[in-house]
Amino acid sequence: MLTLTKIATSQGLPEEELFRQALVSYLHDKKRQAMQLKLEILGRYGATSLTDLEARIAHGVVVEHPAWEDLIAAENLTERLEELDVQLNDLQRAG
């Protein structure tokens, strides 16, 4: 099994930099997954934003259940995306 040291050496990077780059890549993947889920929720209701989805629910354009639950899930994904952005910014400043 390859160790971090061997991989870092083969890539010509210090271990810390290899780890930082791997973490950035991991967080970008998590961000992509969260964005995809959020877009799937919005797309399910033909909405372009959280505000649009909320308005569609309020005006009866879409059925309240499960739209309210999906709105909450999309809001949580938005918060997660913001957290990921903060983490990515911290890592990129450190690099």
N, C-alpha and C. Protein backbone atom coordinates (compact mmCIF):
# COMPACT_ATOMS: atom_id res chain seq x y z
N MET A 1 0.84 -1.18 0.00
CA MET A 1 0.00 0.00 0.00
C MET A 1 0.89 1.25 0.00
N LEU A 2 0.50 2.21 -0.83
CA LEU A 2 1.27 3.45 -0.89
C LEU A 2 1.01 4.30 0.34
N THR A 3 2.05 4.89 0.83
CA THR A 3 1.91 5.79 1.98
C THR A 3 1.91 7.23 1.48
N LEU A 4 1.48 8.10 2.35
CA LEU A 4 1.46 9.52 2.02
C LEU A 4 2.85 10.00 1.60
N THR A 5 3.85 9.55 2.32
CA THR A 5 5.22 9.96 2.01
C THR A 5 5.62 9.53 0.61
N LYS A 6 5.33 8.27 0.26
CA LYS A 6 5.69 7.77 -1.07
C LYS A 6 4.94 8.51 -2.17
N ILE A 7 3.67 8.76 -1.94
CA ILE A 7 2.87 9.46 -2.94
C ILE A 7 3.37 10.89 -3.10
N ALA A 8 3.61 11.56 -1.97
CA ALA A 8 4.10 12.94 -2.01
C ALA A 8 5.43 13.01 -2.76
N THR A 9 6.31 12.09 -2.46
CA THR A 9 7.62 12.06 -3.11
C THR A 9 7.46 11.85 -4.61
N SER A 10 6.60 10.89 -4.99
CA SER A 10 6.42 10.60 -6.41
C SER A 10 5.79 11.78 -7.16
N GLN A 11 5.04 12.61 -6.45
CA GLN A 11 4.41 13.79 -7.06
C GLN A 11 5.27 15.04 -6.94
N GLY A 12 6.37 14.93 -6.22
CA GLY A 12 7.27 16.07 -6.04
C GLY A 12 6.68 17.15 -5.15
N LEU A 13 5.88 16.71 -4.16
CA LEU A 13 5.24 17.66 -3.25
C LEU A 13 5.59 17.32 -1.81
N PRO A 14 5.63 18.34 -0.96
CA PRO A 14 5.73 18.06 0.48
C PRO A 14 4.42 17.38 0.92
N GLU A 15 4.51 16.52 1.92
CA GLU A 15 3.32 15.81 2.41
C GLU A 15 2.19 16.76 2.77
N GLU A 16 2.53 17.84 3.43
CA GLU A 16 1.51 18.80 3.86
C GLU A 16 0.76 19.38 2.66
N GLU A 17 1.49 19.68 1.58
CA GLU A 17 0.86 20.25 0.39
C GLU A 17 -0.01 19.20 -0.32
N LEU A 18 0.47 17.97 -0.38
CA LEU A 18 -0.33 16.90 -0.98
C LEU A 18 -1.63 16.72 -0.20
N PHE A 19 -1.53 16.72 1.11
CA PHE A 19 -2.71 16.57 1.96
C PHE A 19 -3.67 17.74 1.75
N ARG A 20 -3.14 18.96 1.68
CA ARG A 20 -3.97 20.15 1.49
C ARG A 20 -4.70 20.07 0.15
N GLN A 21 -3.97 19.68 -0.90
CA GLN A 21 -4.59 19.57 -2.22
C GLN A 21 -5.65 18.48 -2.25
N ALA A 22 -5.39 17.38 -1.57
CA ALA A 22 -6.38 16.30 -1.51
C ALA A 22 -7.63 16.76 -0.77
N LEU A 23 -7.44 17.51 0.29
CA LEU A 23 -8.57 18.02 1.07
C LEU A 23 -9.38 19.03 0.25
N VAL A 24 -8.71 19.88 -0.49
CA VAL A 24 -9.41 20.83 -1.37
C VAL A 24 -10.24 20.07 -2.39
N SER A 25 -9.66 19.05 -2.99
CA SER A 25 -10.38 18.25 -3.97
C SER A 25 -11.59 17.56 -3.34
N TYR A 26 -11.42 17.03 -2.16
CA TYR A 26 -12.51 16.37 -1.43
C TYR A 26 -13.65 17.35 -1.16
N LEU A 27 -13.31 18.54 -0.69
CA LEU A 27 -14.34 19.54 -0.38
C LEU A 27 -15.04 20.02 -1.65
N HIS A 28 -14.29 20.15 -2.74
CA HIS A 28 -14.92 20.51 -4.01
C HIS A 28 -15.93 19.44 -4.44
N ASP A 29 -15.58 18.19 -4.24
CA ASP A 29 -16.49 17.09 -4.58
C ASP A 29 -17.74 17.15 -3.71
N LYS A 30 -17.58 17.39 -2.42
CA LYS A 30 -18.74 17.52 -1.53
C LYS A 30 -19.61 18.70 -1.94
N LYS A 31 -18.98 19.79 -2.36
CA LYS A 31 -19.73 20.97 -2.81
C LYS A 31 -20.51 20.64 -4.08
N ARG A 32 -19.89 19.93 -5.01
CA ARG A 32 -20.56 19.55 -6.24
C ARG A 32 -21.77 18.67 -5.94
N GLN A 33 -21.62 17.72 -5.02
CA GLN A 33 -22.73 16.84 -4.64
C GLN A 33 -23.89 17.63 -4.03
N ALA A 34 -23.57 18.56 -3.15
CA ALA A 34 -24.61 19.36 -2.50
C ALA A 34 -25.31 20.25 -3.52
N MET A 35 -24.56 20.83 -4.45
CA MET A 35 -25.17 21.66 -5.48
C MET A 35 -26.10 20.83 -6.37
N GLN A 36 -25.65 19.64 -6.70
CA GLN A 36 -26.46 18.77 -7.54
C GLN A 36 -27.78 18.42 -6.85
N LEU A 37 -27.71 18.08 -5.58
CA LEU A 37 -28.94 17.76 -4.84
C LEU A 37 -29.88 18.96 -4.77
N LYS A 38 -29.32 20.13 -4.51
CA LYS A 38 -30.14 21.34 -4.44
C LYS A 38 -30.81 21.63 -5.77
N LEU A 39 -30.04 21.51 -6.85
CA LEU A 39 -30.62 21.74 -8.18
C LEU A 39 -31.68 20.71 -8.54
N GLU A 40 -31.49 19.47 -8.10
CA GLU A 40 -32.50 18.44 -8.33
C GLU A 40 -33.81 18.79 -7.62
N ILE A 41 -33.70 19.28 -6.40
CA ILE A 41 -34.90 19.68 -5.65
C ILE A 41 -35.59 20.83 -6.35
N LEU A 42 -34.84 21.87 -6.70
CA LEU A 42 -35.45 23.01 -7.38
C LEU A 42 -36.06 22.60 -8.71
N GLY A 43 -35.36 21.76 -9.45
CA GLY A 43 -35.84 21.31 -10.74
C GLY A 43 -37.12 20.50 -10.65
N ARG A 44 -37.26 19.76 -9.58
CA ARG A 44 -38.45 18.95 -9.34
C ARG A 44 -39.71 19.81 -9.36
N TYR A 45 -39.57 21.06 -8.95
CA TYR A 45 -40.71 21.97 -8.86
C TYR A 45 -40.66 23.09 -9.90
N GLY A 46 -39.70 23.02 -10.80
CA GLY A 46 -39.57 24.06 -11.81
C GLY A 46 -39.16 25.40 -11.24
N ALA A 47 -38.50 25.38 -10.09
CA ALA A 47 -38.09 26.62 -9.41
C ALA A 47 -36.66 26.97 -9.78
N THR A 48 -36.37 28.25 -9.75
CA THR A 48 -35.02 28.72 -10.07
C THR A 48 -34.20 29.09 -8.84
N SER A 49 -34.88 29.19 -7.69
CA SER A 49 -34.20 29.57 -6.45
C SER A 49 -35.05 29.11 -5.27
N LEU A 50 -34.50 29.24 -4.07
CA LEU A 50 -35.26 28.91 -2.87
C LEU A 50 -36.46 29.85 -2.73
N THR A 51 -36.24 31.12 -3.02
CA THR A 51 -37.33 32.10 -2.94
C THR A 51 -38.43 31.75 -3.93
N ASP A 52 -38.05 31.35 -5.12
CA ASP A 52 -39.02 30.95 -6.14
C ASP A 52 -39.82 29.73 -5.68
N LEU A 53 -39.13 28.74 -5.12
CA LEU A 53 -39.82 27.55 -4.63
C LEU A 53 -40.79 27.92 -3.51
N GLU A 54 -40.34 28.76 -2.60
CA GLU A 54 -41.22 29.17 -1.50
C GLU A 54 -42.46 29.89 -2.03
N ALA A 55 -42.27 30.75 -3.03
CA ALA A 55 -43.41 31.47 -3.62
C ALA A 55 -44.35 30.49 -4.33
N ARG A 56 -43.81 29.50 -5.00
CA ARG A 56 -44.64 28.51 -5.69
C ARG A 56 -45.49 27.72 -4.68
N ILE A 57 -44.91 27.43 -3.54
CA ILE A 57 -45.66 26.73 -2.50
C ILE A 57 -46.75 27.64 -1.96
N ALA A 58 -46.38 28.87 -1.63
CA ALA A 58 -47.32 29.83 -1.04
C ALA A 58 -48.50 30.13 -1.97
N HIS A 59 -48.25 30.15 -3.27
CA HIS A 59 -49.31 30.47 -4.23
C HIS A 59 -50.03 29.23 -4.76
N GLY A 60 -49.70 28.07 -4.21
CA GLY A 60 -50.39 26.85 -4.62
C GLY A 60 -49.99 26.31 -5.98
N VAL A 61 -48.89 26.81 -6.52
CA VAL A 61 -48.42 26.32 -7.82
C VAL A 61 -47.93 24.88 -7.68
N VAL A 62 -47.34 24.58 -6.53
CA VAL A 62 -46.93 23.20 -6.23
C VAL A 62 -47.61 22.78 -4.93
N VAL A 63 -47.80 21.49 -4.80
CA VAL A 63 -48.45 20.94 -3.61
C VAL A 63 -47.52 21.09 -2.41
N GLU A 64 -48.10 21.51 -1.29
CA GLU A 64 -47.30 21.78 -0.09
C GLU A 64 -46.48 20.59 0.37
N HIS A 65 -47.07 19.41 0.32
CA HIS A 65 -46.34 18.22 0.78
C HIS A 65 -46.00 17.38 -0.42
N PRO A 66 -44.77 17.10 -0.69
CA PRO A 66 -43.58 17.24 0.15
C PRO A 66 -42.75 18.48 -0.15
N ALA A 67 -43.32 19.45 -0.84
CA ALA A 67 -42.53 20.62 -1.25
C ALA A 67 -41.91 21.37 -0.07
N TRP A 68 -42.65 21.49 1.06
CA TRP A 68 -42.09 22.18 2.22
C TRP A 68 -40.87 21.45 2.76
N GLU A 69 -40.98 20.12 2.82
CA GLU A 69 -39.84 19.33 3.29
C GLU A 69 -38.64 19.49 2.35
N ASP A 70 -38.94 19.50 1.05
CA ASP A 70 -37.86 19.68 0.08
C ASP A 70 -37.25 21.07 0.17
N LEU A 71 -38.08 22.07 0.46
CA LEU A 71 -37.57 23.43 0.64
C LEU A 71 -36.61 23.47 1.82
N ILE A 72 -36.99 22.83 2.90
CA ILE A 72 -36.12 22.78 4.09
C ILE A 72 -34.81 22.08 3.76
N ALA A 73 -34.90 20.97 3.03
CA ALA A 73 -33.69 20.25 2.62
C ALA A 73 -32.80 21.13 1.75
N ALA A 74 -33.40 21.88 0.83
CA ALA A 74 -32.63 22.77 -0.04
C ALA A 74 -31.99 23.90 0.76
N GLU A 75 -32.71 24.41 1.76
CA GLU A 75 -32.13 25.44 2.63
C GLU A 75 -30.94 24.89 3.40
N ASN A 76 -31.07 23.67 3.88
CA ASN A 76 -29.95 23.03 4.59
C ASN A 76 -28.76 22.83 3.66
N LEU A 77 -29.03 22.47 2.42
CA LEU A 77 -27.95 22.31 1.45
C LEU A 77 -27.27 23.65 1.18
N THR A 78 -28.04 24.72 1.15
CA THR A 78 -27.47 26.06 0.95
C THR A 78 -26.51 26.39 2.11
N GLU A 79 -26.94 26.09 3.33
CA GLU A 79 -26.07 26.32 4.49
C GLU A 79 -24.80 25.47 4.39
N ARG A 80 -24.95 24.23 3.95
CA ARG A 80 -23.80 23.33 3.80
C ARG A 80 -22.84 23.89 2.75
N LEU A 81 -23.39 24.40 1.66
CA LEU A 81 -22.55 24.99 0.62
C LEU A 81 -21.77 26.19 1.15
N GLU A 82 -22.40 26.98 1.98
CA GLU A 82 -21.72 28.13 2.58
C GLU A 82 -20.59 27.67 3.49
N GLU A 83 -20.84 26.62 4.27
CA GLU A 83 -19.80 26.06 5.14
C GLU A 83 -18.62 25.55 4.31
N LEU A 84 -18.93 24.85 3.25
CA LEU A 84 -17.87 24.32 2.38
C LEU A 84 -17.06 25.44 1.76
N ASP A 85 -17.73 26.53 1.36
CA ASP A 85 -17.01 27.68 0.80
C ASP A 85 -16.04 28.27 1.81
N VAL A 86 -16.47 28.39 3.06
CA VAL A 86 -15.60 28.92 4.12
C VAL A 86 -14.39 27.99 4.30
N GLN A 87 -14.65 26.70 4.35
CA GLN A 87 -13.55 25.74 4.52
C GLN A 87 -12.58 25.79 3.34
N LEU A 88 -13.12 25.86 2.12
CA LEU A 88 -12.25 25.95 0.95
C LEU A 88 -11.44 27.24 0.95
N ASN A 89 -12.07 28.34 1.30
CA ASN A 89 -11.34 29.61 1.37
C ASN A 89 -10.22 29.55 2.40
N ASP A 90 -10.49 28.95 3.54
CA ASP A 90 -9.46 28.81 4.58
C ASP A 90 -8.28 27.98 4.07
N LEU A 91 -8.57 26.88 3.39
CA LEU A 91 -7.51 26.03 2.86
C LEU A 91 -6.72 26.73 1.76
N GLN A 92 -7.41 27.46 0.91
CA GLN A 92 -6.72 28.12 -0.18
C GLN A 92 -5.86 29.28 0.32
N ARG A 93 -6.29 29.94 1.38
CA ARG A 93 -5.46 30.99 1.99
C ARG A 93 -4.23 30.38 2.64
N ALA A 94 -4.40 29.17 3.20
CA ALA A 94 -3.29 28.51 3.88
C ALA A 94 -2.24 28.01 2.88
N GLY A 95 -2.67 27.81 1.64
CA GLY A 95 -1.76 27.26 0.64
C GLY A 95 -0.97 28.32 0.00
